[in-house]
Amino acid sequence: KELFSFLNWLDATSRFSWIKPRGLDQISRKIAELDVE
């Protein structure tokens, strides 16, 4: 969640000229599940 907050800010800020790539929001956020879980 913090990582996506950073990337969205990086895309919006004028401090850097980075533009988020197409498909960023479709990156899977599924968390790996351990066997014990």
PDB file of all heavy atoms in Angstrom:
ATOM      1  N   LYS A   1       0.837  -1.204   0.000  1.00  0.00           N
ATOM      2  CA  LYS A   1       0.000   0.000   0.000  1.00  0.00           C
ATOM      3  C   LYS A   1       0.876   1.259   0.000  1.00  0.00           C
ATOM      4  O   LYS A   1       0.616   2.219  -0.733  1.00  0.00           O
ATOM      5  CB  LYS A   1      -0.918  -0.006   1.222  1.00  0.00           C
ATOM      6  CG  LYS A   1      -1.857   1.189   1.281  1.00  0.00           C
ATOM      7  CD  LYS A   1      -2.759   1.107   2.503  1.00  0.00           C
ATOM      8  CE  LYS A   1      -3.671   2.337   2.579  1.00  0.00           C
ATOM      9  NZ  LYS A   1      -4.541   2.282   3.791  1.00  0.00           N
ATOM     10  N   GLU A   2       1.934   1.252   0.807  1.00  0.00           N
ATOM     11  CA  GLU A   2       2.847   2.397   0.856  1.00  0.00           C
ATOM     12  C   GLU A   2       3.575   2.562  -0.469  1.00  0.00           C
ATOM     13  O   GLU A   2       3.827   3.687  -0.936  1.00  0.00           O
ATOM     14  CB  GLU A   2       3.866   2.204   1.987  1.00  0.00           C
ATOM     15  CG  GLU A   2       4.645   3.455   2.356  1.00  0.00           C
ATOM     16  CD  GLU A   2       3.778   4.481   3.040  1.00  0.00           C
ATOM     17  OE1 GLU A   2       3.295   4.215   4.153  1.00  0.00           O
ATOM     18  OE2 GLU A   2       3.579   5.560   2.441  1.00  0.00           O
ATOM     19  N   LEU A   3       3.917   1.445  -1.097  1.00  0.00           N
ATOM     20  CA  LEU A   3       4.618   1.490  -2.378  1.00  0.00           C
ATOM     21  C   LEU A   3       3.752   2.143  -3.451  1.00  0.00           C
ATOM     22  O   LEU A   3       4.231   2.992  -4.227  1.00  0.00           O
ATOM     23  CB  LEU A   3       5.005   0.067  -2.786  1.00  0.00           C
ATOM     24  CG  LEU A   3       6.039  -0.093  -3.901  1.00  0.00           C
ATOM     25  CD1 LEU A   3       7.321   0.622  -3.554  1.00  0.00           C
ATOM     26  CD2 LEU A   3       6.308  -1.569  -4.133  1.00  0.00           C
ATOM     27  N   PHE A   4       2.481   1.797  -3.502  1.00  0.00           N
ATOM     28  CA  PHE A   4       1.586   2.414  -4.485  1.00  0.00           C
ATOM     29  C   PHE A   4       1.329   3.884  -4.161  1.00  0.00           C
ATOM     30  O   PHE A   4       1.167   4.700  -5.074  1.00  0.00           O
ATOM     31  CB  PHE A   4       0.270   1.637  -4.568  1.00  0.00           C
ATOM     32  CG  PHE A   4       0.323   0.488  -5.532  1.00  0.00           C
ATOM     33  CD1 PHE A   4       0.604  -0.793  -5.095  1.00  0.00           C
ATOM     34  CD2 PHE A   4       0.117   0.692  -6.893  1.00  0.00           C
ATOM     35  CE1 PHE A   4       0.671  -1.859  -5.979  1.00  0.00           C
ATOM     36  CE2 PHE A   4       0.169  -0.365  -7.793  1.00  0.00           C
ATOM     37  CZ  PHE A   4       0.451  -1.651  -7.334  1.00  0.00           C
ATOM     38  N   SER A   5       1.291   4.227  -2.898  1.00  0.00           N
ATOM     39  CA  SER A   5       1.166   5.647  -2.524  1.00  0.00           C
ATOM     40  C   SER A   5       2.352   6.429  -3.062  1.00  0.00           C
ATOM     41  O   SER A   5       2.205   7.546  -3.583  1.00  0.00           O
ATOM     42  CB  SER A   5       1.086   5.789  -1.003  1.00  0.00           C
ATOM     43  OG  SER A   5      -0.077   5.196  -0.496  1.00  0.00           O
ATOM     44  N   PHE A   6       3.542   5.839  -2.927  1.00  0.00           N
ATOM     45  CA  PHE A   6       4.754   6.499  -3.426  1.00  0.00           C
ATOM     46  C   PHE A   6       4.709   6.644  -4.945  1.00  0.00           C
ATOM     47  O   PHE A   6       5.006   7.721  -5.489  1.00  0.00           O
ATOM     48  CB  PHE A   6       5.981   5.679  -3.004  1.00  0.00           C
ATOM     49  CG  PHE A   6       7.222   5.999  -3.769  1.00  0.00           C
ATOM     50  CD1 PHE A   6       7.867   7.225  -3.616  1.00  0.00           C
ATOM     51  CD2 PHE A   6       7.749   5.081  -4.673  1.00  0.00           C
ATOM     52  CE1 PHE A   6       9.014   7.528  -4.343  1.00  0.00           C
ATOM     53  CE2 PHE A   6       8.889   5.365  -5.398  1.00  0.00           C
ATOM     54  CZ  PHE A   6       9.532   6.597  -5.230  1.00  0.00           C
ATOM     55  N   LEU A   7       4.336   5.582  -5.661  1.00  0.00           N
ATOM     56  CA  LEU A   7       4.327   5.631  -7.120  1.00  0.00           C
ATOM     57  C   LEU A   7       3.286   6.623  -7.637  1.00  0.00           C
ATOM     58  O   LEU A   7       3.545   7.341  -8.618  1.00  0.00           O
ATOM     59  CB  LEU A   7       4.060   4.235  -7.686  1.00  0.00           C
ATOM     60  CG  LEU A   7       5.159   3.184  -7.431  1.00  0.00           C
ATOM     61  CD1 LEU A   7       4.705   1.811  -7.880  1.00  0.00           C
ATOM     62  CD2 LEU A   7       6.459   3.583  -8.133  1.00  0.00           C
ATOM     63  N   ASN A   8       2.135   6.691  -6.994  1.00  0.00           N
ATOM     64  CA  ASN A   8       1.117   7.662  -7.412  1.00  0.00           C
ATOM     65  C   ASN A   8       1.581   9.094  -7.149  1.00  0.00           C
ATOM     66  O   ASN A   8       1.325   9.991  -7.954  1.00  0.00           O
ATOM     67  CB  ASN A   8      -0.204   7.389  -6.676  1.00  0.00           C
ATOM     68  CG  ASN A   8      -0.893   6.139  -7.179  1.00  0.00           C
ATOM     69  OD1 ASN A   8      -0.797   5.790  -8.354  1.00  0.00           O
ATOM     70  ND2 ASN A   8      -1.591   5.439  -6.296  1.00  0.00           N
ATOM     71  N   TRP A   9       2.249   9.301  -6.016  1.00  0.00           N
ATOM     72  CA  TRP A   9       2.803  10.636  -5.736  1.00  0.00           C
ATOM     73  C   TRP A   9       3.886  10.988  -6.751  1.00  0.00           C
ATOM     74  O   TRP A   9       3.952  12.127  -7.231  1.00  0.00           O
ATOM     75  CB  TRP A   9       3.389  10.661  -4.320  1.00  0.00           C
ATOM     76  CG  TRP A   9       4.265  11.854  -4.072  1.00  0.00           C
ATOM     77  CD1 TRP A   9       3.880  13.101  -3.706  1.00  0.00           C
ATOM     78  CD2 TRP A   9       5.694  11.905  -4.226  1.00  0.00           C
ATOM     79  NE1 TRP A   9       4.962  13.937  -3.608  1.00  0.00           N
ATOM     80  CE2 TRP A   9       6.093  13.233  -3.928  1.00  0.00           C
ATOM     81  CE3 TRP A   9       6.671  10.985  -4.575  1.00  0.00           C
ATOM     82  CZ2 TRP A   9       7.424  13.639  -3.962  1.00  0.00           C
ATOM     83  CZ3 TRP A   9       7.997  11.381  -4.616  1.00  0.00           C
ATOM     84  CH2 TRP A   9       8.359  12.684  -4.316  1.00  0.00           C
ATOM     85  N   LEU A  10       4.731  10.014  -7.076  1.00  0.00           N
ATOM     86  CA  LEU A  10       5.828  10.249  -8.010  1.00  0.00           C
ATOM     87  C   LEU A  10       5.296  10.648  -9.381  1.00  0.00           C
ATOM     88  O   LEU A  10       5.895  11.484 -10.074  1.00  0.00           O
ATOM     89  CB  LEU A  10       6.690   8.980  -8.111  1.00  0.00           C
ATOM     90  CG  LEU A  10       7.983   9.069  -8.914  1.00  0.00           C
ATOM     91  CD1 LEU A  10       8.917  10.126  -8.334  1.00  0.00           C
ATOM     92  CD2 LEU A  10       8.684   7.708  -8.940  1.00  0.00           C
ATOM     93  N   ASP A  11       4.173  10.087  -9.755  1.00  0.00           N
ATOM     94  CA  ASP A  11       3.554  10.436 -11.032  1.00  0.00           C
ATOM     95  C   ASP A  11       2.955  11.843 -10.997  1.00  0.00           C
ATOM     96  O   ASP A  11       2.974  12.564 -12.001  1.00  0.00           O
ATOM     97  CB  ASP A  11       2.453   9.415 -11.358  1.00  0.00           C
ATOM     98  CG  ASP A  11       1.673   9.785 -12.607  1.00  0.00           C
ATOM     99  OD1 ASP A  11       2.274   9.810 -13.691  1.00  0.00           O
ATOM    100  OD2 ASP A  11       0.468  10.060 -12.474  1.00  0.00           O
ATOM    101  N   ALA A  12       2.464  12.267  -9.822  1.00  0.00           N
ATOM    102  CA  ALA A  12       1.770  13.556  -9.730  1.00  0.00           C
ATOM    103  C   ALA A  12       2.695  14.728  -9.442  1.00  0.00           C
ATOM    104  O   ALA A  12       2.400  15.864  -9.816  1.00  0.00           O
ATOM    105  CB  ALA A  12       0.689  13.483  -8.640  1.00  0.00           C
ATOM    106  N   THR A  13       3.826  14.474  -8.766  1.00  0.00           N
ATOM    107  CA  THR A  13       4.679  15.575  -8.339  1.00  0.00           C
ATOM    108  C   THR A  13       5.431  16.203  -9.508  1.00  0.00           C
ATOM    109  O   THR A  13       5.737  15.535 -10.514  1.00  0.00           O
ATOM    110  CB  THR A  13       5.689  15.096  -7.284  1.00  0.00           C
ATOM    111  OG1 THR A  13       6.440  16.233  -6.820  1.00  0.00           O
ATOM    112  CG2 THR A  13       6.658  14.076  -7.860  1.00  0.00           C
ATOM    113  N   SER A  14       5.733  17.481  -9.370  1.00  0.00           N
ATOM    114  CA  SER A  14       6.534  18.183 -10.385  1.00  0.00           C
ATOM    115  C   SER A  14       8.023  18.120 -10.067  1.00  0.00           C
ATOM    116  O   SER A  14       8.843  18.608 -10.851  1.00  0.00           O
ATOM    117  CB  SER A  14       6.084  19.650 -10.469  1.00  0.00           C
ATOM    118  OG  SER A  14       6.237  20.298  -9.209  1.00  0.00           O
ATOM    119  N   ARG A  15       8.366  17.527  -8.922  1.00  0.00           N
ATOM    120  CA  ARG A  15       9.776  17.430  -8.538  1.00  0.00           C
ATOM    121  C   ARG A  15      10.547  16.494  -9.466  1.00  0.00           C
ATOM    122  O   ARG A  15      11.743  16.657  -9.683  1.00  0.00           O
ATOM    123  CB  ARG A  15       9.893  16.930  -7.092  1.00  0.00           C
ATOM    124  CG  ARG A  15       9.431  17.921  -6.046  1.00  0.00           C
ATOM    125  CD  ARG A  15      10.410  19.080  -5.927  1.00  0.00           C
ATOM    126  NE  ARG A  15      11.720  18.638  -5.538  1.00  0.00           N
ATOM    127  CZ  ARG A  15      12.125  18.525  -4.280  1.00  0.00           C
ATOM    128  NH1 ARG A  15      11.293  18.821  -3.296  1.00  0.00           N
ATOM    129  NH2 ARG A  15      13.354  18.139  -4.004  1.00  0.00           N
ATOM    130  N   PHE A  16       9.855  15.482  -9.976  1.00  0.00           N
ATOM    131  CA  PHE A  16      10.465  14.532 -10.909  1.00  0.00           C
ATOM    132  C   PHE A  16       9.559  14.428 -12.133  1.00  0.00           C
ATOM    133  O   PHE A  16       8.364  14.674 -12.056  1.00  0.00           O
ATOM    134  CB  PHE A  16      10.641  13.165 -10.254  1.00  0.00           C
ATOM    135  CG  PHE A  16      11.473  13.182  -9.003  1.00  0.00           C
ATOM    136  CD1 PHE A  16      10.879  13.314  -7.756  1.00  0.00           C
ATOM    137  CD2 PHE A  16      12.854  13.085  -9.068  1.00  0.00           C
ATOM    138  CE1 PHE A  16      11.635  13.339  -6.601  1.00  0.00           C
ATOM    139  CE2 PHE A  16      13.619  13.108  -7.930  1.00  0.00           C
ATOM    140  CZ  PHE A  16      13.011  13.243  -6.690  1.00  0.00           C
ATOM    141  N   SER A  17      10.137  14.050 -13.241  1.00  0.00           N
ATOM    142  CA  SER A  17       9.372  14.000 -14.489  1.00  0.00           C
ATOM    143  C   SER A  17       8.918  12.583 -14.822  1.00  0.00           C
ATOM    144  O   SER A  17       8.665  12.258 -15.980  1.00  0.00           O
ATOM    145  CB  SER A  17      10.231  14.553 -15.639  1.00  0.00           C
ATOM    146  OG  SER A  17      10.607  15.878 -15.374  1.00  0.00           O
ATOM    147  N   TRP A  18       8.821  11.746 -13.822  1.00  0.00           N
ATOM    148  CA  TRP A  18       8.434  10.345 -14.033  1.00  0.00           C
ATOM    149  C   TRP A  18       6.931  10.253 -14.272  1.00  0.00           C
ATOM    150  O   TRP A  18       6.130  10.903 -13.586  1.00  0.00           O
ATOM    151  CB  TRP A  18       8.820   9.523 -12.818  1.00  0.00           C
ATOM    152  CG  TRP A  18       8.604   8.037 -12.962  1.00  0.00           C
ATOM    153  CD1 TRP A  18       9.428   7.146 -13.583  1.00  0.00           C
ATOM    154  CD2 TRP A  18       7.485   7.282 -12.456  1.00  0.00           C
ATOM    155  NE1 TRP A  18       8.900   5.883 -13.497  1.00  0.00           N
ATOM    156  CE2 TRP A  18       7.708   5.939 -12.818  1.00  0.00           C
ATOM    157  CE3 TRP A  18       6.331   7.624 -11.767  1.00  0.00           C
ATOM    158  CZ2 TRP A  18       6.824   4.932 -12.476  1.00  0.00           C
ATOM    159  CZ3 TRP A  18       5.434   6.614 -11.440  1.00  0.00           C
ATOM    160  CH2 TRP A  18       5.687   5.290 -11.796  1.00  0.00           C
ATOM    161  N   ILE A  19       6.538   9.459 -15.238  1.00  0.00           N
ATOM    162  CA  ILE A  19       5.130   9.211 -15.546  1.00  0.00           C
ATOM    163  C   ILE A  19       4.864   7.723 -15.363  1.00  0.00           C
ATOM    164  O   ILE A  19       5.604   6.883 -15.896  1.00  0.00           O
ATOM    165  CB  ILE A  19       4.785   9.631 -16.990  1.00  0.00           C
ATOM    166  CG1 ILE A  19       5.046  11.142 -17.172  1.00  0.00           C
ATOM    167  CG2 ILE A  19       3.339   9.289 -17.320  1.00  0.00           C
ATOM    168  CD1 ILE A  19       4.852  11.615 -18.593  1.00  0.00           C
ATOM    169  N   LYS A  20       3.823   7.401 -14.593  1.00  0.00           N
ATOM    170  CA  LYS A  20       3.590   5.983 -14.306  1.00  0.00           C
ATOM    171  C   LYS A  20       3.221   5.248 -15.587  1.00  0.00           C
ATOM    172  O   LYS A  20       2.459   5.751 -16.423  1.00  0.00           O
ATOM    173  CB  LYS A  20       2.508   5.812 -13.237  1.00  0.00           C
ATOM    174  CG  LYS A  20       1.115   6.260 -13.589  1.00  0.00           C
ATOM    175  CD  LYS A  20       0.181   5.998 -12.404  1.00  0.00           C
ATOM    176  CE  LYS A  20      -1.244   6.414 -12.704  1.00  0.00           C
ATOM    177  NZ  LYS A  20      -2.137   6.184 -11.542  1.00  0.00           N
ATOM    178  N   PRO A  21       3.759   4.060 -15.743  1.00  0.00           N
ATOM    179  CA  PRO A  21       3.517   3.298 -16.976  1.00  0.00           C
ATOM    180  C   PRO A  21       2.090   2.766 -17.050  1.00  0.00           C
ATOM    181  O   PRO A  21       1.432   2.559 -16.026  1.00  0.00           O
ATOM    182  CB  PRO A  21       4.537   2.153 -16.873  1.00  0.00           C
ATOM    183  CG  PRO A  21       4.779   1.990 -15.413  1.00  0.00           C
ATOM    184  CD  PRO A  21       4.662   3.363 -14.820  1.00  0.00           C
ATOM    185  N   ARG A  22       1.615   2.564 -18.269  1.00  0.00           N
ATOM    186  CA  ARG A  22       0.285   1.997 -18.467  1.00  0.00           C
ATOM    187  C   ARG A  22       0.239   0.582 -17.909  1.00  0.00           C
ATOM    188  O   ARG A  22       1.158  -0.208 -18.115  1.00  0.00           O
ATOM    189  CB  ARG A  22      -0.050   1.972 -19.958  1.00  0.00           C
ATOM    190  CG  ARG A  22      -1.483   1.560 -20.257  1.00  0.00           C
ATOM    191  CD  ARG A  22      -1.762   1.648 -21.743  1.00  0.00           C
ATOM    192  NE  ARG A  22      -0.902   0.751 -22.502  1.00  0.00           N
ATOM    193  CZ  ARG A  22      -0.933   0.629 -23.824  1.00  0.00           C
ATOM    194  NH1 ARG A  22      -1.771   1.382 -24.536  1.00  0.00           N
ATOM    195  NH2 ARG A  22      -0.137  -0.222 -24.448  1.00  0.00           N
ATOM    196  N   GLY A  23      -0.805   0.299 -17.166  1.00  0.00           N
ATOM    197  CA  GLY A  23      -0.947  -1.032 -16.567  1.00  0.00           C
ATOM    198  C   GLY A  23      -0.466  -1.108 -15.129  1.00  0.00           C
ATOM    199  O   GLY A  23      -0.535  -2.183 -14.509  1.00  0.00           O
ATOM    200  N   LEU A  24       0.004   0.007 -14.565  1.00  0.00           N
ATOM    201  CA  LEU A  24       0.511  -0.012 -13.192  1.00  0.00           C
ATOM    202  C   LEU A  24      -0.566  -0.450 -12.196  1.00  0.00           C
ATOM    203  O   LEU A  24      -0.309  -1.253 -11.306  1.00  0.00           O
ATOM    204  CB  LEU A  24       1.045   1.373 -12.809  1.00  0.00           C
ATOM    205  CG  LEU A  24       1.594   1.507 -11.389  1.00  0.00           C
ATOM    206  CD1 LEU A  24       2.890   0.716 -11.242  1.00  0.00           C
ATOM    207  CD2 LEU A  24       1.840   2.970 -11.024  1.00  0.00           C
ATOM    208  N   ASP A  25      -1.773   0.068 -12.379  1.00  0.00           N
ATOM    209  CA  ASP A  25      -2.844  -0.234 -11.433  1.00  0.00           C
ATOM    210  C   ASP A  25      -3.339  -1.676 -11.542  1.00  0.00           C
ATOM    211  O   ASP A  25      -4.085  -2.139 -10.680  1.00  0.00           O
ATOM    212  CB  ASP A  25      -4.023   0.725 -11.653  1.00  0.00           C
ATOM    213  CG  ASP A  25      -3.657   2.164 -11.354  1.00  0.00           C
ATOM    214  OD1 ASP A  25      -2.771   2.369 -10.493  1.00  0.00           O
ATOM    215  OD2 ASP A  25      -4.226   3.079 -11.986  1.00  0.00           O
ATOM    216  N   GLN A  26      -2.938  -2.362 -12.622  1.00  0.00           N
ATOM    217  CA  GLN A  26      -3.375  -3.757 -12.792  1.00  0.00           C
ATOM    218  C   GLN A  26      -2.366  -4.755 -12.223  1.00  0.00           C
ATOM    219  O   GLN A  26      -2.579  -5.968 -12.292  1.00  0.00           O
ATOM    220  CB  GLN A  26      -3.592  -4.069 -14.279  1.00  0.00           C
ATOM    221  CG  GLN A  26      -4.954  -3.633 -14.810  1.00  0.00           C
ATOM    222  CD  GLN A  26      -5.107  -2.137 -14.868  1.00  0.00           C
ATOM    223  OE1 GLN A  26      -4.247  -1.461 -15.436  1.00  0.00           O
ATOM    224  NE2 GLN A  26      -6.183  -1.610 -14.305  1.00  0.00           N
ATOM    225  N   ILE A  27      -1.275  -4.261 -11.635  1.00  0.00           N
ATOM    226  CA  ILE A  27      -0.294  -5.176 -11.044  1.00  0.00           C
ATOM    227  C   ILE A  27      -0.949  -5.937  -9.897  1.00  0.00           C
ATOM    228  O   ILE A  27      -1.599  -5.352  -9.031  1.00  0.00           O
ATOM    229  CB  ILE A  27       0.936  -4.404 -10.528  1.00  0.00           C
ATOM    230  CG1 ILE A  27       1.695  -3.766 -11.701  1.00  0.00           C
ATOM    231  CG2 ILE A  27       1.876  -5.324  -9.750  1.00  0.00           C
ATOM    232  CD1 ILE A  27       2.875  -2.921 -11.276  1.00  0.00           C
ATOM    233  N   SER A  28      -0.787  -7.242  -9.874  1.00  0.00           N
ATOM    234  CA  SER A  28      -1.394  -8.075  -8.836  1.00  0.00           C
ATOM    235  C   SER A  28      -0.797  -7.761  -7.464  1.00  0.00           C
ATOM    236  O   SER A  28       0.420  -7.645  -7.304  1.00  0.00           O
ATOM    237  CB  SER A  28      -1.172  -9.552  -9.156  1.00  0.00           C
ATOM    238  OG  SER A  28      -1.622 -10.370  -8.100  1.00  0.00           O
ATOM    239  N   ARG A  29      -1.687  -7.627  -6.485  1.00  0.00           N
ATOM    240  CA  ARG A  29      -1.247  -7.361  -5.105  1.00  0.00           C
ATOM    241  C   ARG A  29      -1.499  -8.565  -4.197  1.00  0.00           C
ATOM    242  O   ARG A  29      -1.474  -8.444  -2.975  1.00  0.00           O
ATOM    243  CB  ARG A  29      -1.992  -6.147  -4.545  1.00  0.00           C
ATOM    244  CG  ARG A  29      -1.886  -4.907  -5.413  1.00  0.00           C
ATOM    245  CD  ARG A  29      -2.507  -3.705  -4.735  1.00  0.00           C
ATOM    246  NE  ARG A  29      -2.622  -2.567  -5.646  1.00  0.00           N
ATOM    247  CZ  ARG A  29      -2.960  -1.336  -5.274  1.00  0.00           C
ATOM    248  NH1 ARG A  29      -3.212  -1.092  -4.004  1.00  0.00           N
ATOM    249  NH2 ARG A  29      -3.051  -0.365  -6.156  1.00  0.00           N
ATOM    250  N   LYS A  30      -1.734  -9.728  -4.790  1.00  0.00           N
ATOM    251  CA  LYS A  30      -2.043 -10.922  -4.007  1.00  0.00           C
ATOM    252  C   LYS A  30      -0.844 -11.327  -3.154  1.00  0.00           C
ATOM    253  O   LYS A  30       0.273 -11.468  -3.647  1.00  0.00           O
ATOM    254  CB  LYS A  30      -2.430 -12.063  -4.947  1.00  0.00           C
ATOM    255  CG  LYS A  30      -2.894 -13.313  -4.209  1.00  0.00           C
ATOM    256  CD  LYS A  30      -3.326 -14.405  -5.181  1.00  0.00           C
ATOM    257  CE  LYS A  30      -3.787 -15.650  -4.437  1.00  0.00           C
ATOM    258  NZ  LYS A  30      -4.204 -16.723  -5.377  1.00  0.00           N
ATOM    259  N   ILE A  31      -1.099 -11.531  -1.870  1.00  0.00           N
ATOM    260  CA  ILE A  31      -0.040 -11.876  -0.919  1.00  0.00           C
ATOM    261  C   ILE A  31       0.144 -13.388  -0.874  1.00  0.00           C
ATOM    262  O   ILE A  31      -0.837 -14.151  -0.847  1.00  0.00           O
ATOM    263  CB  ILE A  31      -0.386 -11.365   0.497  1.00  0.00           C
ATOM    264  CG1 ILE A  31      -0.766  -9.894   0.463  1.00  0.00           C
ATOM    265  CG2 ILE A  31       0.770 -11.598   1.458  1.00  0.00           C
ATOM    266  CD1 ILE A  31       0.330  -8.969   0.012  1.00  0.00           C
ATOM    267  N   ALA A  32       1.390 -13.825  -0.886  1.00  0.00           N
ATOM    268  CA  ALA A  32       1.684 -15.255  -0.802  1.00  0.00           C
ATOM    269  C   ALA A  32       1.205 -15.812   0.534  1.00  0.00           C
ATOM    270  O   ALA A  32       1.306 -15.147   1.568  1.00  0.00           O
ATOM    271  CB  ALA A  32       3.184 -15.487  -0.962  1.00  0.00           C
ATOM    272  N   GLU A  33       0.688 -17.032   0.498  1.00  0.00           N
ATOM    273  CA  GLU A  33       0.155 -17.675   1.705  1.00  0.00           C
ATOM    274  C   GLU A  33       1.054 -18.834   2.102  1.00  0.00           C
ATOM    275  O   GLU A  33       1.433 -19.668   1.272  1.00  0.00           O
ATOM    276  CB  GLU A  33      -1.266 -18.172   1.432  1.00  0.00           C
ATOM    277  CG  GLU A  33      -2.029 -18.544   2.671  1.00  0.00           C
ATOM    278  CD  GLU A  33      -3.495 -18.803   2.374  1.00  0.00           C
ATOM    279  OE1 GLU A  33      -3.804 -19.251   1.244  1.00  0.00           O
ATOM    280  OE2 GLU A  33      -4.330 -18.567   3.253  1.00  0.00           O
ATOM    281  N   LEU A  34       1.420 -18.892   3.384  1.00  0.00           N
ATOM    282  CA  LEU A  34       2.281 -19.947   3.883  1.00  0.00           C
ATOM    283  C   LEU A  34       1.468 -21.222   4.109  1.00  0.00           C
ATOM    284  O   LEU A  34       0.248 -21.179   4.316  1.00  0.00           O
ATOM    285  CB  LEU A  34       2.938 -19.516   5.195  1.00  0.00           C
ATOM    286  CG  LEU A  34       3.739 -18.203   5.156  1.00  0.00           C
ATOM    287  CD1 LEU A  34       4.287 -17.887   6.545  1.00  0.00           C
ATOM    288  CD2 LEU A  34       4.871 -18.299   4.147  1.00  0.00           C
ATOM    289  N   ASP A  35       2.160 -22.350   4.118  1.00  0.00           N
ATOM    290  CA  ASP A  35       1.486 -23.639   4.323  1.00  0.00           C
ATOM    291  C   ASP A  35       0.787 -23.694   5.679  1.00  0.00           C
ATOM    292  O   ASP A  35      -0.316 -24.223   5.798  1.00  0.00           O
ATOM    293  CB  ASP A  35       2.498 -24.783   4.219  1.00  0.00           C
ATOM    294  CG  ASP A  35       3.017 -24.958   2.796  1.00  0.00           C
ATOM    295  OD1 ASP A  35       2.325 -24.498   1.859  1.00  0.00           O
ATOM    296  OD2 ASP A  35       4.097 -25.550   2.621  1.00  0.00           O
ATOM    297  N   VAL A  36       1.452 -23.135   6.710  1.00  0.00           N
ATOM    298  CA  VAL A  36       0.863 -23.165   8.052  1.00  0.00           C
ATOM    299  C   VAL A  36      -0.412 -22.324   8.102  1.00  0.00           C
ATOM    300  O   VAL A  36      -1.357 -22.646   8.829  1.00  0.00           O
ATOM    301  CB  VAL A  36       1.894 -22.684   9.099  1.00  0.00           C
ATOM    302  CG1 VAL A  36       2.242 -21.205   8.891  1.00  0.00           C
ATOM    303  CG2 VAL A  36       1.365 -22.902  10.511  1.00  0.00           C
ATOM    304  N   GLU A  37      -0.457 -21.246   7.311  1.00  0.00           N
ATOM    305  CA  GLU A  37      -1.657 -20.410   7.263  1.00  0.00           C
ATOM    306  C   GLU A  37      -2.796 -21.140   6.557  1.00  0.00           C
ATOM    307  O   GLU A  37      -3.961 -21.016   6.945  1.00  0.00           O
ATOM    308  CB  GLU A  37      -1.347 -19.093   6.563  1.00  0.00           C
ATOM    309  CG  GLU A  37      -0.391 -18.208   7.354  1.00  0.00           C
ATOM    310  CD  GLU A  37       0.099 -17.023   6.552  1.00  0.00           C
ATOM    311  OE1 GLU A  37      -0.007 -17.050   5.304  1.00  0.00           O
ATOM    312  OE2 GLU A  37       0.604 -16.067   7.164  1.00  0.00           O
TER     313      GLU A  37
END
